[in-house]
Amino acid sequence: LLRPRSSQEKPTGPRDFPEIQSEGILRVVTEYSPSGYYVSGDT
């Protein structure tokens, strides 16, 4: 569910903070673990 759904979501060309700020989206990848991201109940 959390993977990018299509190649259309993948930015192309140089991508530093100005491009990120212009789009308004910061894409982060982490692992499923207590040190990364996990589901606890409904949280």
All heavy atoms as atom14 arrays in JSON, in Angstrom:
{
  "sequence": "LLRPRSSQEKPTGPRDFPEIQSEGILRVVTEYSPSGYYVSGDT",
  "atom14_mask": [
    [1, 1, 1, 1, 1, 1, 1, 1, 0, 0, 0, 0, 0, 0],
    [1, 1, 1, 1, 1, 1, 1, 1, 0, 0, 0, 0, 0, 0],
    [1, 1, 1, 1, 1, 1, 1, 1, 1, 1, 1, 0, 0, 0],
    [1, 1, 1, 1, 1, 1, 1, 0, 0, 0, 0, 0, 0, 0],
    [1, 1, 1, 1, 1, 1, 1, 1, 1, 1, 1, 0, 0, 0],
    [1, 1, 1, 1, 1, 1, 0, 0, 0, 0, 0, 0, 0, 0],
    [1, 1, 1, 1, 1, 1, 0, 0, 0, 0, 0, 0, 0, 0],
    [1, 1, 1, 1, 1, 1, 1, 1, 1, 0, 0, 0, 0, 0],
    [1, 1, 1, 1, 1, 1, 1, 1, 1, 0, 0, 0, 0, 0],
    [1, 1, 1, 1, 1, 1, 1, 1, 1, 0, 0, 0, 0, 0],
    [1, 1, 1, 1, 1, 1, 1, 0, 0, 0, 0, 0, 0, 0],
    [1, 1, 1, 1, 1, 1, 1, 0, 0, 0, 0, 0, 0, 0],
    [1, 1, 1, 1, 0, 0, 0, 0, 0, 0, 0, 0, 0, 0],
    [1, 1, 1, 1, 1, 1, 1, 0, 0, 0, 0, 0, 0, 0],
    [1, 1, 1, 1, 1, 1, 1, 1, 1, 1, 1, 0, 0, 0],
    [1, 1, 1, 1, 1, 1, 1, 1, 0, 0, 0, 0, 0, 0],
    [1, 1, 1, 1, 1, 1, 1, 1, 1, 1, 1, 0, 0, 0],
    [1, 1, 1, 1, 1, 1, 1, 0, 0, 0, 0, 0, 0, 0],
    [1, 1, 1, 1, 1, 1, 1, 1, 1, 0, 0, 0, 0, 0],
    [1, 1, 1, 1, 1, 1, 1, 1, 0, 0, 0, 0, 0, 0],
    [1, 1, 1, 1, 1, 1, 1, 1, 1, 0, 0, 0, 0, 0],
    [1, 1, 1, 1, 1, 1, 0, 0, 0, 0, 0, 0, 0, 0],
    [1, 1, 1, 1, 1, 1, 1, 1, 1, 0, 0, 0, 0, 0],
    [1, 1, 1, 1, 0, 0, 0, 0, 0, 0, 0, 0, 0, 0],
    [1, 1, 1, 1, 1, 1, 1, 1, 0, 0, 0, 0, 0, 0],
    [1, 1, 1, 1, 1, 1, 1, 1, 0, 0, 0, 0, 0, 0],
    [1, 1, 1, 1, 1, 1, 1, 1, 1, 1, 1, 0, 0, 0],
    [1, 1, 1, 1, 1, 1, 1, 0, 0, 0, 0, 0, 0, 0],
    [1, 1, 1, 1, 1, 1, 1, 0, 0, 0, 0, 0, 0, 0],
    [1, 1, 1, 1, 1, 1, 1, 0, 0, 0, 0, 0, 0, 0],
    [1, 1, 1, 1, 1, 1, 1, 1, 1, 0, 0, 0, 0, 0],
    [1, 1, 1, 1, 1, 1, 1, 1, 1, 1, 1, 1, 0, 0],
    [1, 1, 1, 1, 1, 1, 0, 0, 0, 0, 0, 0, 0, 0],
    [1, 1, 1, 1, 1, 1, 1, 0, 0, 0, 0, 0, 0, 0],
    [1, 1, 1, 1, 1, 1, 0, 0, 0, 0, 0, 0, 0, 0],
    [1, 1, 1, 1, 0, 0, 0, 0, 0, 0, 0, 0, 0, 0],
    [1, 1, 1, 1, 1, 1, 1, 1, 1, 1, 1, 1, 0, 0],
    [1, 1, 1, 1, 1, 1, 1, 1, 1, 1, 1, 1, 0, 0],
    [1, 1, 1, 1, 1, 1, 1, 0, 0, 0, 0, 0, 0, 0],
    [1, 1, 1, 1, 1, 1, 0, 0, 0, 0, 0, 0, 0, 0],
    [1, 1, 1, 1, 0, 0, 0, 0, 0, 0, 0, 0, 0, 0],
    [1, 1, 1, 1, 1, 1, 1, 1, 0, 0, 0, 0, 0, 0],
    [1, 1, 1, 1, 1, 1, 1, 0, 0, 0, 0, 0, 0, 0]
  ],
  "atom14_positions": [
    [[0.82, -1.21, 0.0], [0.0, 0.0, 0.0], [0.85, 1.26, 0.0], [0.46, 2.28, -0.56], [-0.93, 0.01, 1.22], [-2.01, -1.08, 1.24], [-2.77, -1.02, 2.57], [-2.97, -0.9, 0.08], [0.0, 0.0, 0.0], [0.0, 0.0, 0.0], [0.0, 0.0, 0.0], [0.0, 0.0, 0.0], [0.0, 0.0, 0.0], [0.0, 0.0, 0.0]],
    [[2.02, 1.19, 0.65], [2.85, 2.39, 0.79], [3.89, 2.55, -0.29], [4.58, 3.56, -0.34], [3.54, 2.37, 2.16], [2.62, 2.58, 3.35], [3.35, 2.34, 4.65], [2.03, 3.97, 3.33], [0.0, 0.0, 0.0], [0.0, 0.0, 0.0], [0.0, 0.0, 0.0], [0.0, 0.0, 0.0], [0.0, 0.0, 0.0], [0.0, 0.0, 0.0]],
    [[4.04, 1.59, -1.2], [4.96, 1.75, -2.31], [4.38, 2.76, -3.3], [3.17, 2.9, -3.43], [5.16, 0.42, -3.04], [6.12, -0.53, -2.33], [6.24, -1.79, -3.16], [7.07, -2.77, -2.49], [8.37, -2.85, -2.64], [9.01, -1.99, -3.41], [9.07, -3.78, -2.01], [0.0, 0.0, 0.0], [0.0, 0.0, 0.0], [0.0, 0.0, 0.0]],
    [[5.22, 3.47, -4.05], [4.7, 4.34, -5.1], [3.85, 3.53, -6.07], [4.26, 2.46, -6.52], [5.99, 4.85, -5.78], [7.03, 4.76, -4.72], [6.67, 3.55, -3.91], [0.0, 0.0, 0.0], [0.0, 0.0, 0.0], [0.0, 0.0, 0.0], [0.0, 0.0, 0.0], [0.0, 0.0, 0.0], [0.0, 0.0, 0.0], [0.0, 0.0, 0.0]],
    [[2.67, 3.99, -6.38], [1.72, 3.2, -7.13], [2.0, 3.16, -8.63], [1.54, 2.29, -9.33], [0.3, 3.73, -6.9], [-0.19, 3.46, -5.48], [-1.61, 3.93, -5.31], [-2.13, 3.55, -4.02], [-1.9, 4.2, -2.9], [-1.12, 5.28, -2.91], [-2.41, 3.8, -1.78], [0.0, 0.0, 0.0], [0.0, 0.0, 0.0], [0.0, 0.0, 0.0]],
    [[2.72, 4.11, -9.15], [2.99, 4.11, -10.59], [4.2, 4.94, -10.88], [4.68, 5.71, -10.05], [1.78, 4.67, -11.36], [1.68, 6.07, -11.14], [0.0, 0.0, 0.0], [0.0, 0.0, 0.0], [0.0, 0.0, 0.0], [0.0, 0.0, 0.0], [0.0, 0.0, 0.0], [0.0, 0.0, 0.0], [0.0, 0.0, 0.0], [0.0, 0.0, 0.0]],
    [[4.71, 4.78, -12.09], [5.88, 5.55, -12.49], [5.56, 7.03, -12.55], [6.45, 7.88, -12.5], [6.39, 5.06, -13.85], [5.38, 5.19, -14.83], [0.0, 0.0, 0.0], [0.0, 0.0, 0.0], [0.0, 0.0, 0.0], [0.0, 0.0, 0.0], [0.0, 0.0, 0.0], [0.0, 0.0, 0.0], [0.0, 0.0, 0.0], [0.0, 0.0, 0.0]],
    [[4.27, 7.39, -12.65], [3.89, 8.8, -12.7], [4.2, 9.49, -11.38], [4.37, 10.7, -11.34], [2.39, 8.92, -13.01], [2.04, 8.44, -14.42], [0.56, 8.56, -14.69], [-0.23, 8.79, -13.79], [0.17, 8.43, -15.95], [0.0, 0.0, 0.0], [0.0, 0.0, 0.0], [0.0, 0.0, 0.0], [0.0, 0.0, 0.0], [0.0, 0.0, 0.0]],
    [[4.28, 8.72, -10.27], [4.55, 9.33, -8.98], [6.04, 9.55, -8.76], [6.45, 10.17, -7.8], [4.0, 8.45, -7.86], [2.49, 8.45, -7.77], [2.01, 7.82, -6.47], [2.81, 7.77, -5.51], [0.87, 7.39, -6.41], [0.0, 0.0, 0.0], [0.0, 0.0, 0.0], [0.0, 0.0, 0.0], [0.0, 0.0, 0.0], [0.0, 0.0, 0.0]],
    [[6.88, 8.99, -9.64], [8.32, 9.11, -9.46], [8.81, 10.38, -10.13], [8.71, 10.55, -11.34], [9.02, 7.91, -10.07], [10.52, 7.89, -9.85], [11.18, 6.77, -10.61], [10.66, 5.43, -10.14], [11.35, 4.32, -10.84], [0.0, 0.0, 0.0], [0.0, 0.0, 0.0], [0.0, 0.0, 0.0], [0.0, 0.0, 0.0], [0.0, 0.0, 0.0]],
    [[9.34, 11.36, -9.37], [9.85, 12.59, -9.96], [11.02, 12.3, -10.89], [11.77, 11.34, -10.7], [10.31, 13.4, -8.74], [9.62, 12.78, -7.58], [9.48, 11.34, -7.93], [0.0, 0.0, 0.0], [0.0, 0.0, 0.0], [0.0, 0.0, 0.0], [0.0, 0.0, 0.0], [0.0, 0.0, 0.0], [0.0, 0.0, 0.0], [0.0, 0.0, 0.0]],
    [[11.17, 13.12, -11.91], [12.29, 12.98, -12.84], [13.15, 14.22, -12.79], [12.72, 15.28, -12.36], [11.78, 12.76, -14.28], [10.96, 13.88, -14.65], [10.97, 11.48, -14.38], [0.0, 0.0, 0.0], [0.0, 0.0, 0.0], [0.0, 0.0, 0.0], [0.0, 0.0, 0.0], [0.0, 0.0, 0.0], [0.0, 0.0, 0.0], [0.0, 0.0, 0.0]],
    [[14.38, 14.08, -13.24], [15.29, 15.22, -13.25], [15.89, 15.48, -11.88], [15.63, 14.76, -10.92], [0.0, 0.0, 0.0], [0.0, 0.0, 0.0], [0.0, 0.0, 0.0], [0.0, 0.0, 0.0], [0.0, 0.0, 0.0], [0.0, 0.0, 0.0], [0.0, 0.0, 0.0], [0.0, 0.0, 0.0], [0.0, 0.0, 0.0], [0.0, 0.0, 0.0]],
    [[16.74, 16.52, -11.79], [17.38, 16.84, -10.5], [16.33, 17.1, -9.42], [15.29, 17.68, -9.68], [18.18, 18.11, -10.82], [18.32, 18.11, -12.3], [17.1, 17.45, -12.85], [0.0, 0.0, 0.0], [0.0, 0.0, 0.0], [0.0, 0.0, 0.0], [0.0, 0.0, 0.0], [0.0, 0.0, 0.0], [0.0, 0.0, 0.0], [0.0, 0.0, 0.0]],
    [[16.61, 16.64, -8.2], [15.62, 16.79, -7.13], [16.35, 17.11, -5.83], [16.86, 16.23, -5.15], [14.77, 15.53, -7.0], [13.62, 15.68, -5.99], [12.64, 14.55, -6.12], [11.68, 14.53, -5.04], [10.55, 15.24, -5.0], [10.26, 16.04, -6.01], [9.72, 15.15, -3.99], [0.0, 0.0, 0.0], [0.0, 0.0, 0.0], [0.0, 0.0, 0.0]],
    [[16.39, 18.4, -5.51], [16.92, 18.85, -4.25], [15.8, 19.6, -3.54], [14.64, 19.57, -3.98], [18.16, 19.73, -4.48], [19.03, 19.85, -3.24], [18.6, 19.41, -2.16], [20.14, 20.41, -3.35], [0.0, 0.0, 0.0], [0.0, 0.0, 0.0], [0.0, 0.0, 0.0], [0.0, 0.0, 0.0], [0.0, 0.0, 0.0], [0.0, 0.0, 0.0]],
    [[16.1, 20.28, -2.46], [15.04, 20.9, -1.67], [14.16, 21.87, -2.46], [12.94, 21.89, -2.25], [15.62, 21.6, -0.44], [14.56, 22.17, 0.46], [13.67, 21.33, 1.1], [14.45, 23.54, 0.64], [12.67, 21.85, 1.92], [13.46, 24.05, 1.45], [12.56, 23.21, 2.1], [0.0, 0.0, 0.0], [0.0, 0.0, 0.0], [0.0, 0.0, 0.0]],
    [[14.7, 22.7, -3.38], [13.81, 23.59, -4.13], [12.72, 22.83, -4.89], [11.56, 23.27, -4.92], [14.76, 24.33, -5.08], [16.06, 24.35, -4.36], [16.12, 23.02, -3.66], [0.0, 0.0, 0.0], [0.0, 0.0, 0.0], [0.0, 0.0, 0.0], [0.0, 0.0, 0.0], [0.0, 0.0, 0.0], [0.0, 0.0, 0.0], [0.0, 0.0, 0.0]],
    [[13.09, 21.71, -5.53], [12.1, 20.92, -6.26], [11.11, 20.26, -5.31], [9.9, 20.19, -5.58], [12.8, 19.83, -7.1], [13.61, 20.35, -8.29], [14.92, 21.02, -7.9], [15.46, 20.66, -6.82], [15.4, 21.88, -8.65], [0.0, 0.0, 0.0], [0.0, 0.0, 0.0], [0.0, 0.0, 0.0], [0.0, 0.0, 0.0], [0.0, 0.0, 0.0]],
    [[11.61, 19.79, -4.16], [10.73, 19.17, -3.16], [9.75, 20.21, -2.61], [8.56, 19.96, -2.47], [11.58, 18.57, -2.02], [12.39, 17.39, -2.55], [10.7, 18.13, -0.85], [13.45, 16.9, -1.6], [0.0, 0.0, 0.0], [0.0, 0.0, 0.0], [0.0, 0.0, 0.0], [0.0, 0.0, 0.0], [0.0, 0.0, 0.0], [0.0, 0.0, 0.0]],
    [[10.26, 21.38, -2.31], [9.43, 22.45, -1.77], [8.38, 22.89, -2.78], [7.23, 23.17, -2.43], [10.3, 23.64, -1.36], [9.57, 24.72, -0.58], [10.51, 25.79, -0.1], [11.43, 26.2, -0.81], [10.31, 26.26, 1.13], [0.0, 0.0, 0.0], [0.0, 0.0, 0.0], [0.0, 0.0, 0.0], [0.0, 0.0, 0.0], [0.0, 0.0, 0.0]],
    [[8.78, 22.95, -4.06], [7.84, 23.35, -5.1], [6.69, 22.35, -5.22], [5.53, 22.73, -5.36], [8.57, 23.46, -6.45], [7.67, 23.75, -7.49], [0.0, 0.0, 0.0], [0.0, 0.0, 0.0], [0.0, 0.0, 0.0], [0.0, 0.0, 0.0], [0.0, 0.0, 0.0], [0.0, 0.0, 0.0], [0.0, 0.0, 0.0], [0.0, 0.0, 0.0]],
    [[7.01, 21.06, -5.11], [5.98, 20.02, -5.18], [5.2, 19.93, -3.87], [4.02, 19.56, -3.85], [6.62, 18.67, -5.49], [5.61, 17.56, -5.7], [6.26, 16.2, -5.88], [7.4, 16.02, -5.41], [5.62, 15.32, -6.48], [0.0, 0.0, 0.0], [0.0, 0.0, 0.0], [0.0, 0.0, 0.0], [0.0, 0.0, 0.0], [0.0, 0.0, 0.0]],
    [[5.87, 20.24, -2.76], [5.23, 20.17, -1.45], [5.22, 18.78, -0.85], [4.54, 18.55, 0.16], [0.0, 0.0, 0.0], [0.0, 0.0, 0.0], [0.0, 0.0, 0.0], [0.0, 0.0, 0.0], [0.0, 0.0, 0.0], [0.0, 0.0, 0.0], [0.0, 0.0, 0.0], [0.0, 0.0, 0.0], [0.0, 0.0, 0.0], [0.0, 0.0, 0.0]],
    [[5.99, 17.84, -1.43], [5.98, 16.45, -0.97], [7.41, 15.99, -0.72], [8.28, 16.14, -1.57], [5.33, 15.53, -2.01], [3.86, 15.91, -2.23], [5.43, 14.06, -1.56], [3.21, 15.18, -3.39], [0.0, 0.0, 0.0], [0.0, 0.0, 0.0], [0.0, 0.0, 0.0], [0.0, 0.0, 0.0], [0.0, 0.0, 0.0], [0.0, 0.0, 0.0]],
    [[7.65, 15.44, 0.46], [8.92, 14.85, 0.83], [8.72, 13.34, 0.93], [7.94, 12.87, 1.74], [9.41, 15.42, 2.16], [10.78, 14.99, 2.67], [11.88, 15.43, 1.72], [11.03, 15.55, 4.08], [0.0, 0.0, 0.0], [0.0, 0.0, 0.0], [0.0, 0.0, 0.0], [0.0, 0.0, 0.0], [0.0, 0.0, 0.0], [0.0, 0.0, 0.0]],
    [[9.42, 12.6, 0.09], [9.25, 11.14, 0.03], [10.31, 10.45, 0.9], [11.51, 10.6, 0.65], [9.33, 10.66, -1.41], [8.14, 11.13, -2.25], [8.29, 10.72, -3.71], [7.05, 10.91, -4.44], [6.65, 12.06, -4.96], [7.43, 13.13, -4.83], [5.5, 12.17, -5.59], [0.0, 0.0, 0.0], [0.0, 0.0, 0.0], [0.0, 0.0, 0.0]],
    [[9.84, 9.69, 1.86], [10.72, 9.05, 2.83], [10.52, 7.54, 2.77], [9.4, 7.06, 2.65], [10.4, 9.55, 4.26], [11.21, 8.79, 5.29], [10.65, 11.04, 4.36], [0.0, 0.0, 0.0], [0.0, 0.0, 0.0], [0.0, 0.0, 0.0], [0.0, 0.0, 0.0], [0.0, 0.0, 0.0], [0.0, 0.0, 0.0], [0.0, 0.0, 0.0]],
    [[11.61, 6.79, 2.85], [11.51, 5.33, 2.92], [12.14, 4.87, 4.23], [13.17, 5.37, 4.66], [12.2, 4.65, 1.71], [13.68, 4.96, 1.66], [11.96, 3.14, 1.74], [0.0, 0.0, 0.0], [0.0, 0.0, 0.0], [0.0, 0.0, 0.0], [0.0, 0.0, 0.0], [0.0, 0.0, 0.0], [0.0, 0.0, 0.0], [0.0, 0.0, 0.0]],
    [[11.47, 3.94, 4.89], [11.98, 3.37, 6.14], [11.6, 1.9, 6.17], [11.03, 1.36, 5.21], [11.44, 4.12, 7.36], [12.14, 3.7, 8.53], [9.93, 3.92, 7.54], [0.0, 0.0, 0.0], [0.0, 0.0, 0.0], [0.0, 0.0, 0.0], [0.0, 0.0, 0.0], [0.0, 0.0, 0.0], [0.0, 0.0, 0.0], [0.0, 0.0, 0.0]],
    [[11.93, 1.22, 7.25], [11.66, -0.21, 7.39], [10.51, -0.44, 8.36], [10.16, 0.43, 9.15], [12.91, -0.94, 7.9], [13.34, -0.46, 9.27], [14.65, -1.06, 9.71], [14.93, -2.22, 9.33], [15.39, -0.39, 10.45], [0.0, 0.0, 0.0], [0.0, 0.0, 0.0], [0.0, 0.0, 0.0], [0.0, 0.0, 0.0], [0.0, 0.0, 0.0]],
    [[9.93, -1.64, 8.3], [8.87, -2.0, 9.24], [9.52, -2.57, 10.48], [9.96, -3.74, 10.5], [7.91, -3.01, 8.62], [6.67, -3.23, 9.47], [5.55, -2.43, 9.29], [6.63, -4.22, 10.44], [4.41, -2.61, 10.07], [5.5, -4.41, 11.22], [4.4, -3.6, 11.04], [3.28, -3.78, 11.82], [0.0, 0.0, 0.0], [0.0, 0.0, 0.0]],
    [[9.62, -1.77, 11.52], [10.23, -2.19, 12.79], [9.95, -1.11, 13.81], [9.54, 0.0, 13.46], [11.75, -2.37, 12.62], [12.39, -1.11, 12.53], [0.0, 0.0, 0.0], [0.0, 0.0, 0.0], [0.0, 0.0, 0.0], [0.0, 0.0, 0.0], [0.0, 0.0, 0.0], [0.0, 0.0, 0.0], [0.0, 0.0, 0.0], [0.0, 0.0, 0.0]],
    [[10.21, -1.38, 15.11], [10.02, -0.34, 16.12], [10.9, 0.89, 15.88], [10.53, 1.99, 16.27], [10.4, -1.04, 17.43], [10.12, -2.48, 17.17], [10.49, -2.7, 15.73], [0.0, 0.0, 0.0], [0.0, 0.0, 0.0], [0.0, 0.0, 0.0], [0.0, 0.0, 0.0], [0.0, 0.0, 0.0], [0.0, 0.0, 0.0], [0.0, 0.0, 0.0]],
    [[12.05, 0.69, 15.24], [12.91, 1.84, 14.96], [12.52, 2.55, 13.68], [13.03, 3.64, 13.39], [14.38, 1.41, 14.87], [14.59, 0.58, 13.75], [0.0, 0.0, 0.0], [0.0, 0.0, 0.0], [0.0, 0.0, 0.0], [0.0, 0.0, 0.0], [0.0, 0.0, 0.0], [0.0, 0.0, 0.0], [0.0, 0.0, 0.0], [0.0, 0.0, 0.0]],
    [[11.6, 1.96, 12.9], [11.18, 2.58, 11.66], [9.71, 2.98, 11.69], [9.35, 4.1, 12.03], [0.0, 0.0, 0.0], [0.0, 0.0, 0.0], [0.0, 0.0, 0.0], [0.0, 0.0, 0.0], [0.0, 0.0, 0.0], [0.0, 0.0, 0.0], [0.0, 0.0, 0.0], [0.0, 0.0, 0.0], [0.0, 0.0, 0.0], [0.0, 0.0, 0.0]],
    [[8.85, 2.03, 11.36], [7.42, 2.27, 11.21], [6.71, 0.97, 11.53], [7.14, -0.09, 11.07], [7.16, 2.7, 9.77], [5.72, 2.77, 9.3], [5.13, 4.0, 9.0], [4.95, 1.62, 9.1], [3.82, 4.07, 8.54], [3.64, 1.69, 8.65], [3.09, 2.92, 8.37], [1.79, 2.99, 7.91], [0.0, 0.0, 0.0], [0.0, 0.0, 0.0]],
    [[5.67, 1.02, 12.33], [4.9, -0.19, 12.57], [3.5, 0.19, 13.03], [3.21, 1.36, 13.35], [5.58, -1.1, 13.59], [5.6, -0.6, 15.02], [4.72, -1.09, 15.98], [6.52, 0.37, 15.42], [4.75, -0.65, 17.29], [6.56, 0.83, 16.73], [5.67, 0.31, 17.66], [5.69, 0.77, 18.95], [0.0, 0.0, 0.0], [0.0, 0.0, 0.0]],
    [[2.61, -0.8, 13.02], [1.22, -0.6, 13.41], [1.01, -1.18, 14.79], [1.32, -2.34, 15.05], [0.26, -1.27, 12.41], [-1.19, -1.04, 12.83], [0.5, -0.74, 11.0], [0.0, 0.0, 0.0], [0.0, 0.0, 0.0], [0.0, 0.0, 0.0], [0.0, 0.0, 0.0], [0.0, 0.0, 0.0], [0.0, 0.0, 0.0], [0.0, 0.0, 0.0]],
    [[0.49, -0.36, 15.71], [0.18, -0.81, 17.07], [-1.3, -0.56, 17.3], [-1.72, 0.58, 17.53], [1.03, -0.04, 18.09], [0.68, -0.41, 19.41], [0.0, 0.0, 0.0], [0.0, 0.0, 0.0], [0.0, 0.0, 0.0], [0.0, 0.0, 0.0], [0.0, 0.0, 0.0], [0.0, 0.0, 0.0], [0.0, 0.0, 0.0], [0.0, 0.0, 0.0]],
    [[-2.08, -1.64, 17.23], [-3.53, -1.47, 17.33], [-4.03, -0.7, 16.12], [-3.85, -1.11, 14.98], [0.0, 0.0, 0.0], [0.0, 0.0, 0.0], [0.0, 0.0, 0.0], [0.0, 0.0, 0.0], [0.0, 0.0, 0.0], [0.0, 0.0, 0.0], [0.0, 0.0, 0.0], [0.0, 0.0, 0.0], [0.0, 0.0, 0.0], [0.0, 0.0, 0.0]],
    [[-4.64, 0.44, 16.37], [-5.09, 1.29, 15.26], [-4.21, 2.53, 15.12], [-4.61, 3.53, 14.52], [-6.55, 1.7, 15.46], [-6.77, 2.45, 16.78], [-5.8, 2.59, 17.55], [-7.91, 2.89, 17.02], [0.0, 0.0, 0.0], [0.0, 0.0, 0.0], [0.0, 0.0, 0.0], [0.0, 0.0, 0.0], [0.0, 0.0, 0.0], [0.0, 0.0, 0.0]],
    [[-2.98, 2.46, 15.66], [-2.08, 3.61, 15.66], [-0.8, 3.3, 14.89], [-0.25, 2.2, 15.0], [-1.7, 3.99, 17.11], [-2.89, 4.24, 17.85], [-0.83, 5.25, 17.12], [0.0, 0.0, 0.0], [0.0, 0.0, 0.0], [0.0, 0.0, 0.0], [0.0, 0.0, 0.0], [0.0, 0.0, 0.0], [0.0, 0.0, 0.0], [0.0, 0.0, 0.0]]
  ]
}
